[in-house]
């Protein structure tokens, strides 16, 4: 009976826990990458007319 419980735990991990962790870590990675790219873009375009349109004084 104990082997059956271990099998059920492994199935739950494979079906529920691992996909959720992958999706959450992908969202966190996308947010970090977007923040880095946005700050780099703001730094490179500072002084241009596009920067002035996005951040009016």
PDB file of N, CA and C in Angstrom:
ATOM      1  N   UNK A   1       0.815  -1.204   0.000  1.00  0.00           N
ATOM      2  CA  UNK A   1       0.000   0.000   0.000  1.00  0.00           C
ATOM      3  C   UNK A   1       0.858   1.267   0.000  1.00  0.00           C
ATOM      4  N   UNK A   2       2.014   1.158   0.638  1.00  0.00           N
ATOM      5  CA  UNK A   2       2.910   2.311   0.694  1.00  0.00           C
ATOM      6  C   UNK A   2       3.461   2.663  -0.689  1.00  0.00           C
ATOM      7  N   UNK A   3       3.708   1.659  -1.497  1.00  0.00           N
ATOM      8  CA  UNK A   3       4.197   1.904  -2.859  1.00  0.00           C
ATOM      9  C   UNK A   3       3.143   2.631  -3.685  1.00  0.00           C
ATOM     10  N   UNK A   4       1.893   2.352  -3.441  1.00  0.00           N
ATOM     11  CA  UNK A   4       0.813   3.031  -4.165  1.00  0.00           C
ATOM     12  C   UNK A   4       0.756   4.508  -3.780  1.00  0.00           C
ATOM     13  N   UNK A   5       0.983   4.818  -2.521  1.00  0.00           N
ATOM     14  CA  UNK A   5       0.979   6.217  -2.080  1.00  0.00           C
ATOM     15  C   UNK A   5       2.136   6.979  -2.720  1.00  0.00           C
ATOM     16  N   UNK A   6       3.281   6.352  -2.803  1.00  0.00           N
ATOM     17  CA  UNK A   6       4.420   6.997  -3.450  1.00  0.00           C
ATOM     18  C   UNK A   6       4.170   7.249  -4.923  1.00  0.00           C
ATOM     19  N   UNK A   7       3.504   6.331  -5.564  1.00  0.00           N
ATOM     20  CA  UNK A   7       3.158   6.502  -6.980  1.00  0.00           C
ATOM     21  C   UNK A   7       2.202   7.664  -7.164  1.00  0.00           C
ATOM     22  N   UNK A   8       1.237   7.779  -6.279  1.00  0.00           N
ATOM     23  CA  UNK A   8       0.276   8.885  -6.369  1.00  0.00           C
ATOM     24  C   UNK A   8       0.968  10.221  -6.138  1.00  0.00           C
ATOM     25  N   UNK A   9       1.883  10.275  -5.191  1.00  0.00           N
ATOM     26  CA  UNK A   9       2.626  11.517  -4.935  1.00  0.00           C
ATOM     27  C   UNK A   9       3.440  11.912  -6.160  1.00  0.00           C
ATOM     28  N   UNK A  10       4.101  10.973  -6.785  1.00  0.00           N
ATOM     29  CA  UNK A  10       4.899  11.276  -7.978  1.00  0.00           C
ATOM     30  C   UNK A  10       4.011  11.748  -9.123  1.00  0.00           C
ATOM     31  N   UNK A  11       2.854  11.137  -9.292  1.00  0.00           N
ATOM     32  CA  UNK A  11       1.930  11.563 -10.358  1.00  0.00           C
ATOM     33  C   UNK A  11       1.435  12.979 -10.104  1.00  0.00           C
ATOM     34  N   UNK A  12       1.107  13.298  -8.860  1.00  0.00           N
ATOM     35  CA  UNK A  12       0.650  14.660  -8.525  1.00  0.00           C
ATOM     36  C   UNK A  12       1.767  15.664  -8.793  1.00  0.00           C
ATOM     37  N   UNK A  13       2.984  15.319  -8.435  1.00  0.00           N
ATOM     38  CA  UNK A  13       4.102  16.218  -8.708  1.00  0.00           C
ATOM     39  C   UNK A  13       4.281  16.456 -10.208  1.00  0.00           C
ATOM     40  N   UNK A  14       4.200  15.403 -10.979  1.00  0.00           N
ATOM     41  CA  UNK A  14       4.416  15.533 -12.423  1.00  0.00           C
ATOM     42  C   UNK A  14       3.281  16.273 -13.120  1.00  0.00           C
ATOM     43  N   UNK A  15       2.063  16.103 -12.655  1.00  0.00           N
ATOM     44  CA  UNK A  15       0.905  16.663 -13.361  1.00  0.00           C
ATOM     45  C   UNK A  15       0.557  18.064 -12.874  1.00  0.00           C
ATOM     46  N   UNK A  16       0.738  18.345 -11.592  1.00  0.00           N
ATOM     47  CA  UNK A  16       0.276  19.626 -11.042  1.00  0.00           C
ATOM     48  C   UNK A  16       1.432  20.546 -10.666  1.00  0.00           C
ATOM     49  N   UNK A  17       2.354  20.096  -9.868  1.00  0.00           N
ATOM     50  CA  UNK A  17       3.361  20.984  -9.281  1.00  0.00           C
ATOM     51  C   UNK A  17       4.373  21.458 -10.311  1.00  0.00           C
ATOM     52  N   UNK A  18       4.936  20.575 -11.084  1.00  0.00           N
ATOM     53  CA  UNK A  18       5.993  20.963 -12.023  1.00  0.00           C
ATOM     54  C   UNK A  18       5.487  21.932 -13.096  1.00  0.00           C
ATOM     55  N   UNK A  19       4.319  21.706 -13.733  1.00  0.00           N
ATOM     56  CA  UNK A  19       3.849  22.706 -14.710  1.00  0.00           C
ATOM     57  C   UNK A  19       3.572  24.079 -14.087  1.00  0.00           C
ATOM     58  N   UNK A  20       3.057  24.113 -12.877  1.00  0.00           N
ATOM     59  CA  UNK A  20       2.796  25.398 -12.216  1.00  0.00           C
ATOM     60  C   UNK A  20       4.104  26.131 -11.951  1.00  0.00           C
ATOM     61  N   UNK A  21       5.108  25.424 -11.483  1.00  0.00           N
ATOM     62  CA  UNK A  21       6.411  26.048 -11.219  1.00  0.00           C
ATOM     63  C   UNK A  21       7.026  26.564 -12.513  1.00  0.00           C
ATOM     64  N   UNK A  22       6.911  25.821 -13.583  1.00  0.00           N
ATOM     65  CA  UNK A  22       7.464  26.258 -14.871  1.00  0.00           C
ATOM     66  C   UNK A  22       6.744  27.514 -15.364  1.00  0.00           C
ATOM     67  N   UNK A  23       5.425  27.544 -15.253  1.00  0.00           N
ATOM     68  CA  UNK A  23       4.672  28.720 -15.708  1.00  0.00           C
ATOM     69  C   UNK A  23       4.991  29.956 -14.868  1.00  0.00           C
ATOM     70  N   UNK A  24       5.073  29.793 -13.567  1.00  0.00           N
ATOM     71  CA  UNK A  24       5.370  30.938 -12.700  1.00  0.00           C
ATOM     72  C   UNK A  24       6.787  31.450 -12.947  1.00  0.00           C
ATOM     73  N   UNK A  25       7.742  30.539 -13.067  1.00  0.00           N
ATOM     74  CA  UNK A  25       9.115  30.987 -13.313  1.00  0.00           C
ATOM     75  C   UNK A  25       9.242  31.641 -14.689  1.00  0.00           C
ATOM     76  N   UNK A  26       8.479  31.180 -15.668  1.00  0.00           N
ATOM     77  CA  UNK A  26       8.481  31.836 -16.972  1.00  0.00           C
ATOM     78  C   UNK A  26       7.922  33.249 -16.898  1.00  0.00           C
ATOM     79  N   UNK A  27       6.875  33.429 -16.104  1.00  0.00           N
ATOM     80  CA  UNK A  27       6.318  34.778 -15.928  1.00  0.00           C
ATOM     81  C   UNK A  27       7.284  35.708 -15.223  1.00  0.00           C
ATOM     82  N   UNK A  28       7.967  35.207 -14.207  1.00  0.00           N
ATOM     83  CA  UNK A  28       8.960  36.018 -13.489  1.00  0.00           C
ATOM     84  C   UNK A  28      10.122  36.369 -14.418  1.00  0.00           C
ATOM     85  N   UNK A  29      10.581  35.404 -15.198  1.00  0.00           N
ATOM     86  CA  UNK A  29      11.658  35.667 -16.149  1.00  0.00           C
ATOM     87  C   UNK A  29      11.262  36.689 -17.202  1.00  0.00           C
ATOM     88  N   UNK A  30      10.028  36.600 -17.684  1.00  0.00           N
ATOM     89  CA  UNK A  30       9.554  37.568 -18.685  1.00  0.00           C
ATOM     90  C   UNK A  30       9.460  38.970 -18.090  1.00  0.00           C
ATOM     91  N   UNK A  31       9.013  39.065 -16.845  1.00  0.00           N
ATOM     92  CA  UNK A  31       8.921  40.376 -16.189  1.00  0.00           C
ATOM     93  C   UNK A  31      10.306  40.988 -15.986  1.00  0.00           C
ATOM     94  N   UNK A  32      11.261  40.173 -15.551  1.00  0.00           N
ATOM     95  CA  UNK A  32      12.620  40.685 -15.367  1.00  0.00           C
ATOM     96  C   UNK A  32      13.245  41.109 -16.692  1.00  0.00           C
ATOM     97  N   UNK A  33      13.076  40.287 -17.716  1.00  0.00           N
ATOM     98  CA  UNK A  33      13.634  40.624 -19.023  1.00  0.00           C
ATOM     99  C   UNK A  33      12.971  41.884 -19.589  1.00  0.00           C
ATOM    100  N   UNK A  34      11.669  42.006 -19.422  1.00  0.00           N
ATOM    101  CA  UNK A  34      10.979  43.212 -19.890  1.00  0.00           C
ATOM    102  C   UNK A  34      11.447  44.460 -19.174  1.00  0.00           C
ATOM    103  N   UNK A  35      11.671  44.355 -17.873  1.00  0.00           N
ATOM    104  CA  UNK A  35      12.174  45.509 -17.119  1.00  0.00           C
ATOM    105  C   UNK A  35      13.566  45.917 -17.548  1.00  0.00           C
ATOM    106  N   UNK A  36      14.427  44.941 -17.782  1.00  0.00           N
ATOM    107  CA  UNK A  36      15.793  45.242 -18.222  1.00  0.00           C
ATOM    108  C   UNK A  36      15.778  45.867 -19.607  1.00  0.00           C
ATOM    109  N   UNK A  37      14.999  45.315 -20.508  1.00  0.00           N
ATOM    110  CA  UNK A  37      14.939  45.852 -21.872  1.00  0.00           C
ATOM    111  C   UNK A  37      14.329  47.257 -21.870  1.00  0.00           C
ATOM    112  N   UNK A  38      13.304  47.480 -21.045  1.00  0.00           N
ATOM    113  CA  UNK A  38      12.675  48.802 -20.989  1.00  0.00           C
ATOM    114  C   UNK A  38      13.634  49.849 -20.443  1.00  0.00           C
ATOM    115  N   UNK A  39      14.357  49.527 -19.378  1.00  0.00           N
ATOM    116  CA  UNK A  39      15.286  50.513 -18.821  1.00  0.00           C
ATOM    117  C   UNK A  39      16.444  50.785 -19.781  1.00  0.00           C
ATOM    118  N   UNK A  40      16.898  49.748 -20.485  1.00  0.00           N
ATOM    119  CA  UNK A  40      17.960  49.943 -21.468  1.00  0.00           C
ATOM    120  C   UNK A  40      17.467  50.814 -22.617  1.00  0.00           C
ATOM    121  N   UNK A  41      16.231  50.595 -23.045  1.00  0.00           N
ATOM    122  CA  UNK A  41      15.660  51.396 -24.127  1.00  0.00           C
ATOM    123  C   UNK A  41      15.496  52.847 -23.693  1.00  0.00           C
ATOM    124  N   UNK A  42      15.041  53.076 -22.457  1.00  0.00           N
ATOM    125  CA  UNK A  42      14.907  54.442 -21.960  1.00  0.00           C
ATOM    126  C   UNK A  42      16.264  55.131 -21.903  1.00  0.00           C
ATOM    127  N   UNK A  43      17.276  54.394 -21.477  1.00  0.00           N
ATOM    128  CA  UNK A  43      18.619  54.981 -21.391  1.00  0.00           C
ATOM    129  C   UNK A  43      19.160  55.333 -22.779  1.00  0.00           C
ATOM    130  N   UNK A  44      18.948  54.452 -23.751  1.00  0.00           N
ATOM    131  CA  UNK A  44      19.482  54.687 -25.095  1.00  0.00           C
ATOM    132  C   UNK A  44      18.712  55.753 -25.860  1.00  0.00           C
ATOM    133  N   UNK A  45      17.430  55.930 -25.564  1.00  0.00           N
ATOM    134  CA  UNK A  45      16.642  56.894 -26.324  1.00  0.00           C
ATOM    135  C   UNK A  45      16.448  58.215 -25.594  1.00  0.00           C
ATOM    136  N   UNK A  46      17.175  58.415 -24.516  1.00  0.00           N
ATOM    137  CA  UNK A  46      17.043  59.670 -23.764  1.00  0.00           C
ATOM    138  C   UNK A  46      17.511  60.842 -24.623  1.00  0.00           C
ATOM    139  N   UNK A  47      16.699  61.868 -24.678  1.00  0.00           N
ATOM    140  CA  UNK A  47      17.020  63.041 -25.483  1.00  0.00           C
ATOM    141  C   UNK A  47      16.365  63.026 -26.853  1.00  0.00           C
ATOM    142  N   UNK A  48      15.748  61.931 -27.246  1.00  0.00           N
ATOM    143  CA  UNK A  48      15.095  61.874 -28.550  1.00  0.00           C
ATOM    144  C   UNK A  48      13.643  62.320 -28.419  1.00  0.00           C
ATOM    145  N   UNK A  49      13.003  62.529 -29.545  1.00  0.00           N
ATOM    146  CA  UNK A  49      11.612  62.972 -29.514  1.00  0.00           C
ATOM    147  C   UNK A  49      10.670  61.879 -28.998  1.00  0.00           C
ATOM    148  N   UNK A  50      11.011  60.603 -29.221  1.00  0.00           N
ATOM    149  CA  UNK A  50      10.173  59.519 -28.714  1.00  0.00           C
ATOM    150  C   UNK A  50      10.189  59.482 -27.194  1.00  0.00           C
ATOM    151  N   UNK A  51      11.354  59.750 -26.615  1.00  0.00           N
ATOM    152  CA  UNK A  51      11.451  59.788 -25.153  1.00  0.00           C
ATOM    153  C   UNK A  51      10.623  60.937 -24.602  1.00  0.00           C
ATOM    154  N   UNK A  52      10.655  62.066 -25.286  1.00  0.00           N
ATOM    155  CA  UNK A  52       9.882  63.227 -24.840  1.00  0.00           C
ATOM    156  C   UNK A  52       8.383  62.966 -24.954  1.00  0.00           C
ATOM    157  N   UNK A  53       7.961  62.194 -25.949  1.00  0.00           N
ATOM    158  CA  UNK A  53       6.541  61.863 -26.072  1.00  0.00           C
ATOM    159  C   UNK A  53       6.091  60.912 -24.960  1.00  0.00           C
ATOM    160  N   UNK A  54       6.971  59.986 -24.584  1.00  0.00           N
ATOM    161  CA  UNK A  54       6.571  59.012 -23.574  1.00  0.00           C
ATOM    162  C   UNK A  54       6.630  59.606 -22.171  1.00  0.00           C
ATOM    163  N   UNK A  55       7.593  60.458 -21.912  1.00  0.00           N
ATOM    164  CA  UNK A  55       7.758  61.064 -20.585  1.00  0.00           C
ATOM    165  C   UNK A  55       7.705  62.588 -20.697  1.00  0.00           C
ATOM    166  N   UNK A  56       6.507  63.145 -20.856  1.00  0.00           N
ATOM    167  CA  UNK A  56       6.425  64.610 -20.958  1.00  0.00           C
ATOM    168  C   UNK A  56       6.737  65.253 -19.601  1.00  0.00           C
ATOM    169  N   UNK A  57       7.306  66.423 -19.621  1.00  0.00           N
ATOM    170  CA  UNK A  57       7.653  67.116 -18.372  1.00  0.00           C
ATOM    171  C   UNK A  57       6.457  67.757 -17.735  1.00  0.00           C
TER     172      UNK A  57
END
